[in-house]
Amino acid sequence: MSAILLDTCALLWLGFGDSKLSLDARQVIEETDTVYVSPISLWEIANKRSTGGLTLQLPTREWFEKMCEWHKLSLLPLSAEVMIRAGELPRHHKDPADRIIIAAALEANLVVVTADHRFPEYGVTTIC
């Protein structure tokens, strides 16, 4: 596979070494040339952290920079097309951040690493 996109949970699981990220998903992440993260995931992480729902050992920006370095992650830009597409997607998924990740995957034709069973309802290929 040449490129994939991590959803927010997959990014956190990767960072924490959490077993919720399957061995298959870990292998795909390691073997894929380009592993993308959406900026919306950073927004979600910063929000969770500021409300006390998430603890990181480093400030959010520093944590993300280390994640990019350690796991060779790339930031996938959010274009106007992605944002429009996300706004026009059916509401199968109530989380607007996830709809942005889905729209980004659709626009860039990327497989998404996620455990969310609703992503395929949008025609997105997933790895759990």
C-alpha atoms as a PDB file:
ATOM      1  CA  MET A   1       0.000   0.000   0.000  1.00  0.00           C
ATOM      2  CA  SER A   2       1.389   3.410  -0.866  1.00  0.00           C
ATOM      3  CA  ALA A   3      -0.616   5.633   1.528  1.00  0.00           C
ATOM      4  CA  ILE A   4      -3.109   5.366   4.398  1.00  0.00           C
ATOM      5  CA  LEU A   5      -4.870   7.722   6.797  1.00  0.00           C
ATOM      6  CA  LEU A   6      -5.132   7.180  10.559  1.00  0.00           C
ATOM      7  CA  ASP A   7      -8.296   8.197  12.357  1.00  0.00           C
ATOM      8  CA  THR A   8      -7.902   9.901  15.731  1.00  0.00           C
ATOM      9  CA  CYS A   9      -8.284   6.741  17.813  1.00  0.00           C
ATOM     10  CA  ALA A  10      -5.758   4.877  15.671  1.00  0.00           C
ATOM     11  CA  LEU A  11      -3.290   7.745  16.114  1.00  0.00           C
ATOM     12  CA  LEU A  12      -3.728   7.670  19.883  1.00  0.00           C
ATOM     13  CA  TRP A  13      -3.528   3.870  20.041  1.00  0.00           C
ATOM     14  CA  LEU A  14      -0.337   3.963  17.989  1.00  0.00           C
ATOM     15  CA  GLY A  15       1.127   6.592  20.297  1.00  0.00           C
ATOM     16  CA  PHE A  16       0.198   4.748  23.466  1.00  0.00           C
ATOM     17  CA  GLY A  17       1.125   1.302  22.155  1.00  0.00           C
ATOM     18  CA  ASP A  18      -2.454   0.283  22.877  1.00  0.00           C
ATOM     19  CA  SER A  19      -3.497  -3.253  21.951  1.00  0.00           C
ATOM     20  CA  LYS A  20      -6.747  -1.843  20.520  1.00  0.00           C
ATOM     21  CA  LEU A  21      -4.665  -1.204  17.400  1.00  0.00           C
ATOM     22  CA  SER A  22      -4.559  -4.655  15.847  1.00  0.00           C
ATOM     23  CA  LEU A  23      -1.374  -6.389  14.806  1.00  0.00           C
ATOM     24  CA  ASP A  24      -2.604  -6.257  11.193  1.00  0.00           C
ATOM     25  CA  ALA A  25      -3.079  -2.485  11.440  1.00  0.00           C
ATOM     26  CA  ARG A  26       0.369  -2.051  13.017  1.00  0.00           C
ATOM     27  CA  GLN A  27       1.941  -4.079  10.236  1.00  0.00           C
ATOM     28  CA  VAL A  28       0.200  -2.016   7.545  1.00  0.00           C
ATOM     29  CA  ILE A  29       1.341   1.213   9.245  1.00  0.00           C
ATOM     30  CA  GLU A  30       4.937  -0.035   9.339  1.00  0.00           C
ATOM     31  CA  GLU A  31       4.919  -1.244   5.730  1.00  0.00           C
ATOM     32  CA  THR A  32       3.083   1.676   4.098  1.00  0.00           C
ATOM     33  CA  ASP A  33       5.145   4.328   2.341  1.00  0.00           C
ATOM     34  CA  THR A  34       3.084   7.305   3.557  1.00  0.00           C
ATOM     35  CA  VAL A  35       0.973   7.351   6.718  1.00  0.00           C
ATOM     36  CA  TYR A  36      -1.214  10.436   6.964  1.00  0.00           C
ATOM     37  CA  VAL A  37      -2.917  12.125   9.886  1.00  0.00           C
ATOM     38  CA  SER A  38      -5.621  14.743   9.477  1.00  0.00           C
ATOM     39  CA  PRO A  39      -5.261  18.094  11.258  1.00  0.00           C
ATOM     40  CA  ILE A  40      -8.776  17.492  12.611  1.00  0.00           C
ATOM     41  CA  SER A  41      -7.294  14.681  14.724  1.00  0.00           C
ATOM     42  CA  LEU A  42      -4.973  17.192  16.354  1.00  0.00           C
ATOM     43  CA  TRP A  43      -7.952  19.410  17.083  1.00  0.00           C
ATOM     44  CA  GLU A  44      -9.769  16.454  18.664  1.00  0.00           C
ATOM     45  CA  ILE A  45      -6.744  15.515  20.760  1.00  0.00           C
ATOM     46  CA  ALA A  46      -6.177  19.091  21.935  1.00  0.00           C
ATOM     47  CA  ASN A  47      -9.872  19.383  22.858  1.00  0.00           C
ATOM     48  CA  LYS A  48      -9.892  16.101  24.774  1.00  0.00           C
ATOM     49  CA  ARG A  49      -6.757  17.120  26.587  1.00  0.00           C
ATOM     50  CA  SER A  50      -8.078  20.563  27.541  1.00  0.00           C
ATOM     51  CA  THR A  51     -11.265  19.069  29.004  1.00  0.00           C
ATOM     52  CA  GLY A  52      -9.357  16.470  31.030  1.00  0.00           C
ATOM     53  CA  GLY A  53     -10.459  13.527  28.879  1.00  0.00           C
ATOM     54  CA  LEU A  54      -6.931  12.709  27.731  1.00  0.00           C
ATOM     55  CA  THR A  55      -3.517  12.743  29.376  1.00  0.00           C
ATOM     56  CA  LEU A  56      -0.352  13.124  27.336  1.00  0.00           C
ATOM     57  CA  GLN A  57       3.168  13.136  28.769  1.00  0.00           C
ATOM     58  CA  LEU A  58       4.101  16.114  26.573  1.00  0.00           C
ATOM     59  CA  PRO A  59       2.342  19.253  25.317  1.00  0.00           C
ATOM     60  CA  THR A  60       0.081  18.358  22.379  1.00  0.00           C
ATOM     61  CA  ARG A  61       2.268  19.959  19.707  1.00  0.00           C
ATOM     62  CA  GLU A  62       5.427  18.307  21.038  1.00  0.00           C
ATOM     63  CA  TRP A  63       3.648  14.941  21.372  1.00  0.00           C
ATOM     64  CA  PHE A  64       2.503  15.155  17.750  1.00  0.00           C
ATOM     65  CA  GLU A  65       5.948  16.176  16.506  1.00  0.00           C
ATOM     66  CA  LYS A  66       7.459  13.155  18.292  1.00  0.00           C
ATOM     67  CA  MET A  67       4.762  10.904  16.819  1.00  0.00           C
ATOM     68  CA  CYS A  68       5.578  12.160  13.317  1.00  0.00           C
ATOM     69  CA  GLU A  69       9.268  11.580  13.909  1.00  0.00           C
ATOM     70  CA  TRP A  70       8.955   8.121  15.498  1.00  0.00           C
ATOM     71  CA  HIS A  71       6.307   6.756  13.134  1.00  0.00           C
ATOM     72  CA  LYS A  72       7.121   8.781   9.993  1.00  0.00           C
ATOM     73  CA  LEU A  73       3.656  10.376   9.895  1.00  0.00           C
ATOM     74  CA  SER A  74       2.664  13.104   7.448  1.00  0.00           C
ATOM     75  CA  LEU A  75      -0.006  15.751   7.853  1.00  0.00           C
ATOM     76  CA  LEU A  76      -2.711  15.558   5.177  1.00  0.00           C
ATOM     77  CA  PRO A  77      -3.815  19.087   4.239  1.00  0.00           C
ATOM     78  CA  LEU A  78      -7.479  19.989   4.618  1.00  0.00           C
ATOM     79  CA  SER A  79      -8.579  21.511   1.331  1.00  0.00           C
ATOM     80  CA  ALA A  80     -11.746  23.438   0.554  1.00  0.00           C
ATOM     81  CA  GLU A  81     -12.909  20.385  -1.409  1.00  0.00           C
ATOM     82  CA  VAL A  82     -12.535  18.155   1.642  1.00  0.00           C
ATOM     83  CA  MET A  83     -14.424  20.565   3.870  1.00  0.00           C
ATOM     84  CA  ILE A  84     -17.279  20.956   1.357  1.00  0.00           C
ATOM     85  CA  ARG A  85     -17.481  17.208   0.832  1.00  0.00           C
ATOM     86  CA  ALA A  86     -17.548  16.620   4.609  1.00  0.00           C
ATOM     87  CA  GLY A  87     -20.423  19.068   4.943  1.00  0.00           C
ATOM     88  CA  GLU A  88     -22.352  17.343   2.172  1.00  0.00           C
ATOM     89  CA  LEU A  89     -21.891  13.765   3.402  1.00  0.00           C
ATOM     90  CA  PRO A  90     -24.953  11.939   4.689  1.00  0.00           C
ATOM     91  CA  ARG A  91     -25.235  11.930   8.450  1.00  0.00           C
ATOM     92  CA  HIS A  92     -24.553   8.204   8.950  1.00  0.00           C
ATOM     93  CA  HIS A  93     -21.908   9.383  11.366  1.00  0.00           C
ATOM     94  CA  LYS A  94     -22.836  12.022  13.927  1.00  0.00           C
ATOM     95  CA  ASP A  95     -19.229  13.086  14.647  1.00  0.00           C
ATOM     96  CA  PRO A  96     -18.259  15.978  12.340  1.00  0.00           C
ATOM     97  CA  ALA A  97     -14.535  15.335  12.884  1.00  0.00           C
ATOM     98  CA  ASP A  98     -14.949  11.772  11.635  1.00  0.00           C
ATOM     99  CA  ARG A  99     -16.876  13.025   8.601  1.00  0.00           C
ATOM    100  CA  ILE A 100     -13.915  15.304   7.811  1.00  0.00           C
ATOM    101  CA  ILE A 101     -11.539  12.326   8.052  1.00  0.00           C
ATOM    102  CA  ILE A 102     -13.894  10.330   5.818  1.00  0.00           C
ATOM    103  CA  ALA A 103     -14.112  13.153   3.259  1.00  0.00           C
ATOM    104  CA  ALA A 104     -10.325  13.503   3.232  1.00  0.00           C
ATOM    105  CA  ALA A 105      -9.961   9.762   2.629  1.00  0.00           C
ATOM    106  CA  LEU A 106     -12.500   9.858  -0.185  1.00  0.00           C
ATOM    107  CA  GLU A 107     -10.868  12.878  -1.843  1.00  0.00           C
ATOM    108  CA  ALA A 108      -7.382  11.355  -1.679  1.00  0.00           C
ATOM    109  CA  ASN A 109      -8.535   7.765  -2.263  1.00  0.00           C
ATOM    110  CA  LEU A 110      -6.958   6.568   0.993  1.00  0.00           C
ATOM    111  CA  VAL A 111      -7.598   3.540   3.167  1.00  0.00           C
ATOM    112  CA  VAL A 112      -8.396   4.541   6.754  1.00  0.00           C
ATOM    113  CA  VAL A 113      -7.045   2.767   9.828  1.00  0.00           C
ATOM    114  CA  THR A 114     -10.040   2.817  12.163  1.00  0.00           C
ATOM    115  CA  ALA A 115     -12.099   0.563  14.367  1.00  0.00           C
ATOM    116  CA  ASP A 116     -15.203   2.620  13.600  1.00  0.00           C
ATOM    117  CA  HIS A 117     -17.705   0.349  11.856  1.00  0.00           C
ATOM    118  CA  ARG A 118     -19.558   3.310  10.298  1.00  0.00           C
ATOM    119  CA  PHE A 119     -16.752   4.467   7.986  1.00  0.00           C
ATOM    120  CA  PRO A 120     -17.486   1.834   5.289  1.00  0.00           C
ATOM    121  CA  GLU A 121     -21.057   3.186   5.029  1.00  0.00           C
ATOM    122  CA  TYR A 122     -19.449   6.079   3.131  1.00  0.00           C
ATOM    123  CA  GLY A 123     -17.576   3.834   0.714  1.00  0.00           C
ATOM    124  CA  VAL A 124     -14.279   4.153   2.582  1.00  0.00           C
ATOM    125  CA  THR A 125     -12.024   1.119   2.751  1.00  0.00           C
ATOM    126  CA  THR A 126     -10.843   0.489   6.302  1.00  0.00           C
ATOM    127  CA  ILE A 127      -8.284  -1.520   8.191  1.00  0.00           C
ATOM    128  CA  CYS A 128      -9.186  -2.379  11.778  1.00  0.00           C
END
